[in-house]
Amino acid sequence: MDYKNSEAADSTITYNKNNISAPTENIYEAIAIIAKRATQINGDLRAELVEKLEEFATYNDSLEEVFENKEQIEVSKFYERLPKPTALAVEEWLNGKVYFRNPEDTQSEE
């Protein structure tokens, strides 16, 4: 998913509990699913950031040659301004973009 064009909230907002729990009919299960998705998003964003910062990395053993790389600072600031992974996960959840299944339900059907 393209996290950069997301319409997730940049700050904390209050959600209706019924909207969050509607797909699973259990608020605790819904929050657990959202938390797992937020962990996945965080891993994706972190890997993407590290990959972009590696482009600017200098491998010098000398501390005297430390300098500020403006491109690296701009990339870091861009990722800091993105919505938090939990906000992205909640947005995906409310829009029905998160696939989930309960293994206990699939076993009982067989």
N, C-alpha and C. Protein backbone atom coordinates (compact mmCIF):
# COMPACT_ATOMS: atom_id res chain seq x y z
N MET A 1 0.84 -1.19 0.00
CA MET A 1 0.00 0.00 0.00
C MET A 1 0.88 1.24 0.00
N ASP A 2 0.39 2.28 -0.59
CA ASP A 2 1.12 3.53 -0.64
C ASP A 2 0.78 4.34 0.62
N TYR A 3 1.66 4.29 1.58
CA TYR A 3 1.42 4.96 2.87
C TYR A 3 1.57 6.47 2.75
N LYS A 4 2.29 6.92 1.73
CA LYS A 4 2.54 8.35 1.59
C LYS A 4 1.30 9.13 1.19
N ASN A 5 0.36 8.47 0.50
CA ASN A 5 -0.86 9.15 0.05
C ASN A 5 -2.06 8.79 0.92
N SER A 6 -1.81 8.33 2.10
CA SER A 6 -2.88 7.92 3.00
C SER A 6 -3.58 9.14 3.59
N GLU A 7 -4.85 8.95 3.91
CA GLU A 7 -5.61 10.02 4.55
C GLU A 7 -5.78 9.78 6.04
N ALA A 8 -4.88 9.01 6.62
CA ALA A 8 -4.94 8.73 8.05
C ALA A 8 -4.68 10.00 8.85
N ALA A 9 -5.20 10.02 10.07
CA ALA A 9 -5.05 11.19 10.94
C ALA A 9 -3.60 11.36 11.37
N ASP A 10 -3.15 12.61 11.41
CA ASP A 10 -1.79 12.90 11.86
C ASP A 10 -1.70 12.98 13.38
N SER A 11 -2.83 13.21 14.01
CA SER A 11 -2.85 13.29 15.47
C SER A 11 -3.90 12.32 16.02
N THR A 12 -3.98 12.26 17.30
CA THR A 12 -4.90 11.33 17.95
C THR A 12 -6.34 11.81 17.79
N ILE A 13 -7.21 10.88 17.39
CA ILE A 13 -8.62 11.19 17.31
C ILE A 13 -9.42 10.07 17.97
N THR A 14 -10.66 10.34 18.29
CA THR A 14 -11.52 9.36 18.93
C THR A 14 -12.38 8.68 17.88
N TYR A 15 -12.42 7.35 17.96
CA TYR A 15 -13.23 6.57 17.03
C TYR A 15 -14.43 5.99 17.77
N ASN A 16 -15.49 5.72 17.03
CA ASN A 16 -16.67 5.07 17.58
C ASN A 16 -16.34 3.59 17.79
N LYS A 17 -16.53 3.12 19.00
CA LYS A 17 -16.21 1.73 19.35
C LYS A 17 -16.98 0.75 18.48
N ASN A 18 -18.21 1.09 18.16
CA ASN A 18 -19.03 0.20 17.35
C ASN A 18 -18.50 0.06 15.92
N ASN A 19 -17.94 1.14 15.38
CA ASN A 19 -17.35 1.07 14.04
C ASN A 19 -16.10 0.19 14.03
N ILE A 20 -15.32 0.27 15.10
CA ILE A 20 -14.09 -0.52 15.19
C ILE A 20 -14.43 -2.00 15.33
N SER A 21 -15.39 -2.32 16.18
CA SER A 21 -15.69 -3.73 16.47
C SER A 21 -16.66 -4.37 15.49
N ALA A 22 -17.23 -3.62 14.57
CA ALA A 22 -18.27 -4.15 13.67
C ALA A 22 -17.83 -5.38 12.87
N PRO A 23 -16.66 -5.41 12.23
CA PRO A 23 -16.31 -6.58 11.42
C PRO A 23 -16.16 -7.88 12.21
N THR A 24 -15.70 -7.79 13.45
CA THR A 24 -15.46 -9.00 14.24
C THR A 24 -16.51 -9.21 15.33
N GLU A 25 -17.27 -8.16 15.63
CA GLU A 25 -18.23 -8.16 16.74
C GLU A 25 -17.56 -8.38 18.09
N ASN A 26 -16.26 -8.09 18.16
CA ASN A 26 -15.51 -8.21 19.39
C ASN A 26 -14.42 -7.13 19.36
N ILE A 27 -14.52 -6.17 20.27
CA ILE A 27 -13.59 -5.04 20.27
C ILE A 27 -12.15 -5.49 20.54
N TYR A 28 -11.97 -6.49 21.38
CA TYR A 28 -10.62 -6.94 21.72
C TYR A 28 -9.96 -7.64 20.53
N GLU A 29 -10.73 -8.42 19.82
CA GLU A 29 -10.21 -9.08 18.63
C GLU A 29 -9.87 -8.05 17.55
N ALA A 30 -10.72 -7.06 17.39
CA ALA A 30 -10.48 -6.00 16.41
C ALA A 30 -9.20 -5.23 16.74
N ILE A 31 -9.01 -4.91 17.99
CA ILE A 31 -7.81 -4.17 18.39
C ILE A 31 -6.56 -5.03 18.19
N ALA A 32 -6.65 -6.33 18.46
CA ALA A 32 -5.51 -7.22 18.25
C ALA A 32 -5.14 -7.28 16.77
N ILE A 33 -6.14 -7.33 15.91
CA ILE A 33 -5.89 -7.37 14.46
C ILE A 33 -5.27 -6.05 14.00
N ILE A 34 -5.80 -4.94 14.48
CA ILE A 34 -5.26 -3.62 14.12
C ILE A 34 -3.82 -3.50 14.60
N ALA A 35 -3.52 -4.00 15.80
CA ALA A 35 -2.16 -3.92 16.34
C ALA A 35 -1.19 -4.74 15.49
N LYS A 36 -1.62 -5.92 15.06
CA LYS A 36 -0.75 -6.74 14.21
C LYS A 36 -0.50 -6.06 12.87
N ARG A 37 -1.52 -5.43 12.32
CA ARG A 37 -1.35 -4.71 11.05
C ARG A 37 -0.43 -3.51 11.23
N ALA A 38 -0.56 -2.81 12.36
CA ALA A 38 0.32 -1.66 12.63
C ALA A 38 1.78 -2.12 12.73
N THR A 39 2.02 -3.29 13.30
CA THR A 39 3.37 -3.83 13.38
C THR A 39 3.92 -4.12 11.99
N GLN A 40 3.08 -4.66 11.10
CA GLN A 40 3.50 -4.91 9.72
C GLN A 40 3.83 -3.61 9.00
N ILE A 41 2.98 -2.62 9.16
CA ILE A 41 3.20 -1.32 8.51
C ILE A 41 4.49 -0.69 9.02
N ASN A 42 4.72 -0.77 10.33
CA ASN A 42 5.93 -0.20 10.92
C ASN A 42 7.17 -0.87 10.34
N GLY A 43 7.13 -2.18 10.18
CA GLY A 43 8.26 -2.90 9.59
C GLY A 43 8.51 -2.48 8.15
N ASP A 44 7.43 -2.32 7.38
CA ASP A 44 7.56 -1.88 5.99
C ASP A 44 8.17 -0.48 5.90
N LEU A 45 7.66 0.44 6.72
CA LEU A 45 8.17 1.81 6.70
C LEU A 45 9.63 1.87 7.15
N ARG A 46 9.95 1.09 8.17
CA ARG A 46 11.33 1.09 8.68
C ARG A 46 12.29 0.55 7.63
N ALA A 47 11.90 -0.55 6.95
CA ALA A 47 12.76 -1.11 5.91
C ALA A 47 12.95 -0.13 4.76
N GLU A 48 11.88 0.55 4.38
CA GLU A 48 11.95 1.53 3.31
C GLU A 48 12.85 2.70 3.69
N LEU A 49 12.74 3.17 4.92
CA LEU A 49 13.57 4.28 5.39
C LEU A 49 15.04 3.89 5.44
N VAL A 50 15.33 2.71 5.96
CA VAL A 50 16.72 2.27 6.05
C VAL A 50 17.32 2.13 4.65
N GLU A 51 16.52 1.61 3.72
CA GLU A 51 16.99 1.47 2.34
C GLU A 51 17.34 2.82 1.73
N LYS A 52 16.49 3.82 1.97
CA LYS A 52 16.75 5.15 1.41
C LYS A 52 17.93 5.82 2.09
N LEU A 53 18.09 5.61 3.40
CA LEU A 53 19.20 6.24 4.11
C LEU A 53 20.53 5.57 3.76
N GLU A 54 20.49 4.31 3.36
CA GLU A 54 21.72 3.61 2.95
C GLU A 54 22.34 4.27 1.72
N GLU A 55 21.51 4.88 0.89
CA GLU A 55 22.03 5.55 -0.30
C GLU A 55 22.97 6.69 0.07
N PHE A 56 22.74 7.29 1.23
CA PHE A 56 23.54 8.45 1.65
C PHE A 56 24.63 8.09 2.64
N ALA A 57 24.75 6.82 2.99
CA ALA A 57 25.69 6.41 4.03
C ALA A 57 27.13 6.56 3.54
N THR A 58 27.96 7.03 4.45
CA THR A 58 29.39 7.10 4.18
C THR A 58 30.07 6.19 5.18
N TYR A 59 31.04 5.45 4.69
CA TYR A 59 31.70 4.46 5.53
C TYR A 59 33.13 4.92 5.81
N ASN A 60 33.23 5.91 6.68
CA ASN A 60 34.53 6.43 7.10
C ASN A 60 34.72 6.11 8.58
N ASP A 61 35.94 5.74 8.91
CA ASP A 61 36.24 5.45 10.31
C ASP A 61 36.68 6.69 11.06
N SER A 62 36.83 7.77 10.38
CA SER A 62 37.30 9.00 10.99
C SER A 62 36.12 9.83 11.50
N LEU A 63 36.16 10.17 12.76
CA LEU A 63 35.11 11.01 13.34
C LEU A 63 35.26 12.47 12.93
N GLU A 64 36.42 12.83 12.44
CA GLU A 64 36.66 14.21 12.06
C GLU A 64 35.91 14.58 10.77
N GLU A 65 35.53 13.59 9.99
CA GLU A 65 34.91 13.87 8.70
C GLU A 65 33.40 13.74 8.74
N VAL A 66 32.82 13.94 9.92
CA VAL A 66 31.37 13.87 10.04
C VAL A 66 30.77 15.17 9.52
N PHE A 67 29.80 15.05 8.64
CA PHE A 67 29.15 16.24 8.10
C PHE A 67 27.67 15.95 7.94
N GLU A 68 26.90 17.00 7.82
CA GLU A 68 25.45 16.87 7.66
C GLU A 68 25.12 16.67 6.20
N ASN A 69 24.35 15.65 5.95
CA ASN A 69 23.90 15.39 4.59
C ASN A 69 22.46 15.88 4.49
N LYS A 70 22.24 16.94 3.72
CA LYS A 70 20.93 17.58 3.66
C LYS A 70 19.87 16.65 3.08
N GLU A 71 20.23 15.83 2.10
CA GLU A 71 19.26 14.89 1.53
C GLU A 71 18.81 13.87 2.57
N GLN A 72 19.74 13.39 3.35
CA GLN A 72 19.43 12.42 4.40
C GLN A 72 18.50 13.03 5.45
N ILE A 73 18.73 14.27 5.80
CA ILE A 73 17.89 14.96 6.76
C ILE A 73 16.49 15.15 6.20
N GLU A 74 16.38 15.50 4.93
CA GLU A 74 15.07 15.68 4.30
C GLU A 74 14.29 14.37 4.25
N VAL A 75 14.95 13.26 3.95
CA VAL A 75 14.29 11.96 3.92
C VAL A 75 13.78 11.62 5.32
N SER A 76 14.60 11.85 6.32
CA SER A 76 14.20 11.55 7.70
C SER A 76 13.00 12.40 8.11
N LYS A 77 13.02 13.68 7.78
CA LYS A 77 11.91 14.56 8.14
C LYS A 77 10.62 14.15 7.43
N PHE A 78 10.74 13.69 6.17
CA PHE A 78 9.56 13.24 5.44
C PHE A 78 8.91 12.06 6.15
N TYR A 79 9.70 11.09 6.58
CA TYR A 79 9.15 9.92 7.26
C TYR A 79 8.62 10.26 8.65
N GLU A 80 9.17 11.27 9.28
CA GLU A 80 8.66 11.70 10.58
C GLU A 80 7.29 12.36 10.45
N ARG A 81 7.02 12.99 9.30
CA ARG A 81 5.73 13.66 9.10
C ARG A 81 4.61 12.71 8.69
N LEU A 82 4.95 11.49 8.30
CA LEU A 82 3.92 10.52 7.92
C LEU A 82 3.05 10.17 9.13
N PRO A 83 1.81 9.77 8.89
CA PRO A 83 0.97 9.32 10.01
C PRO A 83 1.59 8.09 10.68
N LYS A 84 1.30 7.92 11.94
CA LYS A 84 1.84 6.80 12.70
C LYS A 84 1.25 5.48 12.16
N PRO A 85 1.99 4.38 12.30
CA PRO A 85 1.50 3.09 11.81
C PRO A 85 0.15 2.69 12.39
N THR A 86 -0.12 3.05 13.64
CA THR A 86 -1.42 2.70 14.22
C THR A 86 -2.55 3.46 13.53
N ALA A 87 -2.32 4.71 13.18
CA ALA A 87 -3.34 5.49 12.48
C ALA A 87 -3.59 4.92 11.08
N LEU A 88 -2.51 4.49 10.42
CA LEU A 88 -2.65 3.87 9.11
C LEU A 88 -3.42 2.56 9.21
N ALA A 89 -3.13 1.78 10.24
CA ALA A 89 -3.81 0.49 10.42
C ALA A 89 -5.28 0.69 10.72
N VAL A 90 -5.62 1.66 11.54
CA VAL A 90 -7.03 1.93 11.85
C VAL A 90 -7.76 2.39 10.60
N GLU A 91 -7.12 3.23 9.80
CA GLU A 91 -7.75 3.68 8.55
C GLU A 91 -8.03 2.49 7.63
N GLU A 92 -7.05 1.61 7.49
CA GLU A 92 -7.24 0.42 6.65
C GLU A 92 -8.37 -0.45 7.20
N TRP A 93 -8.42 -0.60 8.51
CA TRP A 93 -9.45 -1.42 9.15
C TRP A 93 -10.84 -0.86 8.88
N LEU A 94 -11.00 0.44 9.07
CA LEU A 94 -12.31 1.06 8.88
C LEU A 94 -12.74 1.06 7.41
N ASN A 95 -11.78 1.03 6.49
CA ASN A 95 -12.09 1.00 5.06
C ASN A 95 -12.22 -0.43 4.53
N GLY A 96 -12.08 -1.42 5.40
CA GLY A 96 -12.22 -2.81 5.00
C GLY A 96 -11.08 -3.35 4.16
N LYS A 97 -9.89 -2.79 4.32
CA LYS A 97 -8.74 -3.21 3.53
C LYS A 97 -7.86 -4.24 4.24
N VAL A 98 -8.25 -4.66 5.44
CA VAL A 98 -7.45 -5.61 6.19
C VAL A 98 -8.12 -6.98 6.11
N TYR A 99 -7.36 -7.96 5.62
CA TYR A 99 -7.87 -9.33 5.57
C TYR A 99 -7.54 -9.99 6.90
N PHE A 100 -8.52 -10.65 7.48
CA PHE A 100 -8.28 -11.38 8.72
C PHE A 100 -9.15 -12.62 8.73
N ARG A 101 -8.71 -13.60 9.49
CA ARG A 101 -9.51 -14.81 9.68
C ARG A 101 -9.21 -15.35 11.06
N ASN A 102 -10.17 -16.05 11.60
CA ASN A 102 -10.01 -16.66 12.91
C ASN A 102 -9.82 -18.15 12.71
N PRO A 103 -8.64 -18.70 13.07
CA PRO A 103 -8.40 -20.12 12.84
C PRO A 103 -9.39 -21.02 13.59
N GLU A 104 -9.92 -20.56 14.70
CA GLU A 104 -10.88 -21.36 15.46
C GLU A 104 -12.18 -21.51 14.68
N ASP A 105 -12.59 -20.47 13.95
CA ASP A 105 -13.82 -20.52 13.16
C ASP A 105 -13.67 -21.47 11.96
N THR A 106 -12.49 -21.49 11.34
CA THR A 106 -12.30 -22.35 10.17
C THR A 106 -12.22 -23.82 10.58
N GLN A 107 -11.71 -24.11 11.77
CA GLN A 107 -11.64 -25.50 12.24
C GLN A 107 -13.02 -26.03 12.60
N SER A 108 -13.89 -25.20 13.13
CA SER A 108 -15.21 -25.65 13.53
C SER A 108 -16.12 -25.91 12.33
N GLU A 109 -15.80 -25.28 11.18
CA GLU A 109 -16.61 -25.48 9.98
C GLU A 109 -16.33 -26.81 9.31
N GLU A 110 -15.13 -27.37 9.53
CA GLU A 110 -14.76 -28.62 8.86
C GLU A 110 -15.37 -29.83 9.48
